[in-house]
């Protein structure tokens, strides 16, 4: 499916038709990264943390690292700001620290100097993936291989929710008292024939799980960030695509990308979208209307 582009609408269309969305405009791309998986803008708005697996995403090889990339032009500020990780993936800021998933551990890093403060083991986890934090400072981590969500609270990492209804969760975003999940579908596959999934919503207070919208499968979903009050920007890693998915579950493709479009970063005030391209070893920035 090709992206729709931005088409001028007549007054009649504006009044009666479903609004079209412009194709995001590419601003810059940064090469020289090593299997980048996740991009997380810093609250200062000057740079993004970028996790680099640098190898096999399930191998404990010590090659992984976190880079700092300037948001203005994509220049790599610090190529290995934090290093010695295995296969770092999802990133989240909470409690003044950076939290990074690393296969079967959640790692807490000092944002002042990139040193490790703590490591939290997740016994039985196979593929810890995305990370998100709520307003109380609790940190959630998806295990895409076991359809499980882990949670770090009061200094202890515990298995918080295991359910097939999570559809093997990948991307995470906390929206108030709900956890929005970009589901991958059946794990262990990265071919075009992979079973597609959709956005899933979990009530944090009572752990109720339901499909966001009608549950129509979209793809093997990875990153998820809120575009506005009624929709999300979501990547499909296998197909190589960026979608806008609204509250009803309807998906509109905005970009046709290469395979490996991973965990996105989003700066709402600048309408700046960061897409790590894992298989291309680069980070690409877009302006989203």
Protein backbone atom coordinates (compact mmCIF):
# COMPACT_ATOMS: atom_id res chain seq x y z
CA UNK A 1 0.00 0.00 0.00
CA UNK A 2 1.40 3.40 -0.93
CA UNK A 3 1.15 6.45 1.29
CA UNK A 4 -1.67 8.83 0.44
CA UNK A 5 0.20 12.12 0.29
CA UNK A 6 -1.35 15.51 0.94
CA UNK A 7 -4.14 16.52 -1.43
CA UNK A 8 -5.89 19.89 -1.42
CA UNK A 9 -9.53 19.43 -0.52
CA UNK A 10 -12.52 21.40 -1.74
CA UNK A 11 -14.90 23.06 0.71
CA UNK A 12 -17.38 20.26 0.08
CA UNK A 13 -14.80 17.61 0.96
CA UNK A 14 -13.78 19.46 4.07
CA UNK A 15 -17.40 19.56 5.13
CA UNK A 16 -18.39 15.99 4.31
CA UNK A 17 -15.44 13.67 3.80
CA UNK A 18 -13.12 11.94 6.23
CA UNK A 19 -10.09 14.24 6.47
CA UNK A 20 -6.92 13.19 4.68
CA UNK A 21 -3.55 13.50 6.36
CA UNK A 22 -0.43 14.81 4.73
CA UNK A 23 2.48 12.53 4.06
CA UNK A 24 5.17 13.40 6.62
CA UNK A 25 8.04 15.46 5.24
CA UNK A 26 11.54 14.08 5.68
CA UNK A 27 13.85 16.52 7.48
CA UNK A 28 17.10 14.62 7.93
CA UNK A 29 18.59 11.19 8.46
CA UNK A 30 21.50 10.03 10.58
CA UNK A 31 23.65 7.15 9.39
CA UNK A 32 26.42 5.36 11.26
CA UNK A 33 24.19 3.86 13.94
CA UNK A 34 24.24 0.14 14.73
CA UNK A 35 20.83 -1.59 14.59
CA UNK A 36 18.98 1.34 16.19
CA UNK A 37 15.76 0.22 17.87
CA UNK A 38 14.29 3.07 19.88
CA UNK A 39 14.46 6.88 19.89
CA UNK A 40 13.43 8.94 22.92
CA UNK A 41 13.51 12.76 22.82
CA UNK A 42 14.91 14.40 25.94
CA UNK A 43 12.57 16.88 27.68
CA UNK A 44 14.99 19.72 26.85
CA UNK A 45 14.06 19.31 23.19
CA UNK A 46 17.69 19.36 22.07
CA UNK A 47 18.57 15.70 21.58
CA UNK A 48 17.25 12.15 21.55
CA UNK A 49 18.53 9.00 23.20
CA UNK A 50 18.86 6.23 20.61
CA UNK A 51 19.30 2.59 21.62
CA UNK A 52 21.67 0.59 19.41
CA UNK A 53 21.53 -3.21 19.53
CA UNK A 54 24.67 -3.60 17.38
CA UNK A 55 24.12 -7.28 16.62
CA UNK A 56 21.56 -9.96 17.34
CA UNK A 57 18.56 -8.65 19.35
CA UNK A 58 18.60 -11.75 21.60
CA UNK A 59 22.35 -12.16 22.07
CA UNK A 60 24.17 -11.16 25.26
CA UNK A 61 27.32 -9.89 23.55
CA UNK A 62 27.98 -6.61 25.35
CA UNK A 63 27.95 -4.68 22.08
CA UNK A 64 24.85 -2.58 22.72
CA UNK A 65 24.96 1.13 23.50
CA UNK A 66 22.92 4.33 23.79
CA UNK A 67 23.77 7.28 21.52
CA UNK A 68 22.75 10.92 21.75
CA UNK A 69 21.52 12.53 18.52
CA UNK A 70 20.75 16.24 18.02
CA UNK A 71 17.12 16.92 17.13
CA UNK A 72 17.96 19.98 15.04
CA UNK A 73 20.02 18.27 12.36
CA UNK A 74 20.55 14.64 13.30
CA UNK A 75 24.20 15.08 14.23
CA UNK A 76 25.48 12.39 16.57
CA UNK A 77 26.48 14.26 19.73
CA UNK A 78 27.80 11.28 21.68
CA UNK A 79 28.03 8.00 19.73
CA UNK A 80 28.38 5.80 22.82
CA UNK A 81 27.03 7.86 25.66
CA UNK A 82 26.18 4.67 27.58
CA UNK A 83 27.81 1.41 26.49
CA UNK A 84 28.35 -2.18 27.55
CA UNK A 85 24.75 -3.22 27.09
CA UNK A 86 23.69 -6.39 25.27
CA UNK A 87 20.67 -5.65 23.07
CA UNK A 88 19.10 -2.41 24.37
CA UNK A 89 15.68 -1.66 22.96
CA UNK A 90 12.89 0.39 24.57
CA UNK A 91 13.62 3.63 26.44
CA UNK A 92 11.70 5.67 29.02
CA UNK A 93 12.47 8.55 31.37
CA UNK A 94 11.13 8.37 34.91
CA UNK A 95 12.23 9.48 38.36
CA UNK A 96 15.03 11.51 36.78
CA UNK A 97 16.62 8.41 35.25
CA UNK A 98 16.65 6.59 31.92
CA UNK A 99 15.22 3.06 31.83
CA UNK A 100 16.30 0.65 29.10
CA UNK A 101 15.10 -2.88 28.31
CA UNK A 102 17.86 -5.42 27.67
CA UNK A 103 16.63 -8.95 26.78
CA UNK A 104 15.80 -10.14 30.33
CA UNK A 105 16.75 -7.07 32.37
CA UNK A 106 15.51 -3.55 32.89
CA UNK A 107 18.50 -1.23 33.30
CA UNK A 108 18.37 2.10 35.15
CA UNK A 109 20.86 4.71 33.91
CA UNK A 110 21.99 8.02 35.37
CA UNK A 111 21.10 10.73 32.83
CA UNK A 112 23.93 12.93 34.13
CA UNK A 113 26.73 10.64 32.98
CA UNK A 114 25.37 7.45 31.38
CA UNK A 115 26.45 5.16 34.19
CA UNK A 116 24.32 2.24 35.35
CA UNK A 117 22.51 2.77 38.64
CA UNK A 118 20.68 -0.54 38.86
CA UNK A 119 19.77 -3.69 36.96
CA UNK A 120 16.44 -5.40 37.51
CA UNK A 121 16.15 -9.03 36.48
CA UNK A 122 12.98 -10.34 34.82
CA UNK A 123 13.16 -14.12 35.40
CA UNK A 124 11.63 -16.04 32.51
CA UNK A 125 11.50 -13.05 30.17
CA UNK A 126 12.61 -13.80 26.62
CA UNK A 127 12.46 -10.52 24.70
CA UNK A 128 11.96 -7.41 26.80
CA UNK A 129 11.07 -4.74 24.31
CA UNK A 130 9.44 -1.36 24.81
CA UNK A 131 9.40 0.69 28.02
CA UNK A 132 6.94 3.34 29.25
CA UNK A 133 6.36 5.17 32.53
CA UNK A 134 3.21 6.47 34.21
CA UNK A 135 2.69 9.66 36.19
CA UNK A 136 3.50 7.84 39.44
CA UNK A 137 6.96 6.89 38.19
CA UNK A 138 6.13 3.22 37.67
CA UNK A 139 7.84 1.69 34.66
CA UNK A 140 6.22 -0.84 32.30
CA UNK A 141 8.14 -3.22 30.04
CA UNK A 142 6.73 -5.49 27.32
CA UNK A 143 7.98 -9.04 26.78
CA UNK A 144 7.02 -9.61 23.16
CA UNK A 145 7.80 -13.32 23.17
CA UNK A 146 5.65 -14.32 26.14
CA UNK A 147 2.71 -11.89 25.86
CA UNK A 148 3.60 -10.35 29.22
CA UNK A 149 3.90 -6.88 30.73
CA UNK A 150 6.37 -6.36 33.59
CA UNK A 151 6.22 -3.41 35.97
CA UNK A 152 8.86 -1.74 38.13
CA UNK A 153 7.32 -0.20 41.25
CA UNK A 154 8.91 0.66 44.58
CA UNK A 155 12.25 -0.65 43.38
CA UNK A 156 10.94 -4.11 42.45
CA UNK A 157 10.38 -5.49 38.93
CA UNK A 158 7.49 -7.95 38.81
CA UNK A 159 5.39 -9.74 36.21
CA UNK A 160 2.36 -7.44 36.13
CA UNK A 161 0.11 -8.96 33.46
CA UNK A 162 0.28 -12.08 31.33
CA UNK A 163 -2.51 -12.60 28.78
CA UNK A 164 -2.97 -13.89 25.26
CA UNK A 165 -5.29 -10.88 24.81
CA UNK A 166 -2.16 -8.70 24.77
CA UNK A 167 -1.33 -10.31 21.42
CA UNK A 168 2.41 -10.37 22.12
CA UNK A 169 2.94 -6.70 23.03
CA UNK A 170 5.65 -4.55 21.52
CA UNK A 171 5.23 -0.75 21.74
CA UNK A 172 3.89 0.86 24.93
CA UNK A 173 2.42 4.27 25.72
CA UNK A 174 0.77 5.40 28.95
CA UNK A 175 -2.33 7.54 28.39
CA UNK A 176 -3.73 8.55 31.78
CA UNK A 177 -4.90 5.39 33.50
CA UNK A 178 -4.58 3.28 30.34
CA UNK A 179 -1.66 1.48 28.77
CA UNK A 180 -1.80 1.58 24.97
CA UNK A 181 -0.07 -1.38 23.34
CA UNK A 182 1.14 -1.80 19.77
CA UNK A 183 0.78 -5.56 19.41
CA UNK A 184 3.10 -7.60 17.19
CA UNK A 185 1.05 -10.77 16.85
CA UNK A 186 2.50 -14.27 16.92
CA UNK A 187 6.21 -13.92 17.80
CA UNK A 188 9.30 -15.38 16.23
CA UNK A 189 8.57 -14.28 12.66
CA UNK A 190 9.71 -11.32 10.58
CA UNK A 191 8.48 -12.37 7.15
CA UNK A 192 5.68 -10.75 5.21
CA UNK A 193 3.46 -13.69 6.15
CA UNK A 194 3.59 -12.85 9.87
CA UNK A 195 0.22 -12.78 11.62
CA UNK A 196 -0.84 -9.12 11.96
CA UNK A 197 -2.22 -7.52 15.11
CA UNK A 198 -3.65 -4.18 16.25
CA UNK A 199 -3.65 -1.62 19.06
CA UNK A 200 -4.71 -2.95 22.46
CA UNK A 201 -5.74 -1.02 25.56
CA UNK A 202 -5.17 -2.07 29.19
CA UNK A 203 -6.82 -0.41 32.17
CA UNK A 204 -4.01 0.16 34.67
CA UNK A 205 -6.27 0.10 37.77
CA UNK A 206 -7.94 -3.26 37.06
CA UNK A 207 -5.82 -4.77 34.23
CA UNK A 208 -8.82 -5.13 31.91
CA UNK A 209 -7.64 -5.79 28.34
CA UNK A 210 -9.57 -4.85 25.22
CA UNK A 211 -8.94 -4.03 21.58
CA UNK A 212 -8.69 -0.35 20.76
CA UNK A 213 -11.53 0.10 18.30
CA UNK A 214 -12.88 -2.88 16.39
CA UNK A 215 -9.70 -4.97 16.58
CA UNK A 216 -9.12 -5.12 12.83
CA UNK A 217 -5.55 -6.40 12.27
CA UNK A 218 -3.15 -3.78 10.94
CA UNK A 219 0.32 -5.28 10.99
CA UNK A 220 3.25 -6.37 13.15
CA UNK A 221 3.22 -3.21 15.20
CA UNK A 222 6.19 -1.63 16.94
CA UNK A 223 6.33 2.02 18.05
CA UNK A 224 3.27 3.95 19.22
CA UNK A 225 2.90 7.64 20.07
CA UNK A 226 -0.20 9.90 20.34
CA UNK A 227 -0.69 12.11 17.28
CA UNK A 228 -3.68 13.91 18.76
CA UNK A 229 -6.55 13.28 21.18
CA UNK A 230 -8.14 10.71 18.87
CA UNK A 231 -5.32 8.92 17.07
CA UNK A 232 -1.84 7.41 17.26
CA UNK A 233 1.24 7.22 15.08
CA UNK A 234 2.25 3.56 14.79
CA UNK A 235 5.00 1.73 12.93
CA UNK A 236 4.82 -1.71 11.34
CA UNK A 237 8.27 -3.33 11.57
CA UNK A 238 7.68 -6.21 9.15
CA UNK A 239 5.88 -4.33 6.36
CA UNK A 240 7.96 -1.18 6.83
CA UNK A 241 5.20 1.39 7.30
CA UNK A 242 3.94 4.30 9.36
CA UNK A 243 0.23 4.44 10.15
CA UNK A 244 -2.21 6.79 11.75
CA UNK A 245 -4.64 4.65 13.75
CA UNK A 246 -7.72 6.34 15.19
CA UNK A 247 -9.82 5.43 18.21
CA UNK A 248 -12.07 3.20 16.11
CA UNK A 249 -9.09 1.13 14.99
CA UNK A 250 -9.12 2.50 11.43
CA UNK A 251 -5.59 2.69 9.99
CA UNK A 252 -4.35 5.08 7.32
CA UNK A 253 -0.87 4.53 5.94
CA UNK A 254 1.22 7.70 5.98
CA UNK A 255 4.62 6.35 4.88
CA UNK A 256 5.85 3.35 2.90
CA UNK A 257 9.22 2.43 4.43
CA UNK A 258 11.79 -0.33 4.38
CA UNK A 259 11.42 -3.27 6.73
CA UNK A 260 12.71 -2.50 10.20
CA UNK A 261 10.80 0.68 11.08
CA UNK A 262 11.02 0.43 14.86
CA UNK A 263 10.18 2.27 18.08
CA UNK A 264 9.40 5.90 17.28
CA UNK A 265 10.10 9.11 19.17
CA UNK A 266 7.71 12.08 19.06
CA UNK A 267 8.06 15.78 19.91
CA UNK A 268 4.48 17.13 19.80
CA UNK A 269 5.42 20.82 20.06
CA UNK A 270 7.62 20.54 16.97
CA UNK A 271 5.52 17.89 15.19
CA UNK A 272 8.81 16.02 14.93
CA UNK A 273 8.76 12.26 14.42
CA UNK A 274 11.87 10.08 14.79
CA UNK A 275 11.89 6.63 13.16
CA UNK A 276 14.78 4.25 13.84
CA UNK A 277 15.36 2.03 10.81
CA UNK A 278 16.93 -1.05 12.35
CA UNK A 279 17.97 -2.82 9.16
CA UNK A 280 19.30 0.36 7.54
CA UNK A 281 21.37 1.49 10.56
CA UNK A 282 19.91 4.97 10.53
CA UNK A 283 17.54 7.34 12.29
CA UNK A 284 15.17 9.41 10.13
CA UNK A 285 13.31 12.56 11.20
CA UNK A 286 10.01 13.74 9.70
CA UNK A 287 7.71 16.70 10.15
CA UNK A 288 4.11 15.55 10.60
CA UNK A 289 1.28 17.96 9.74
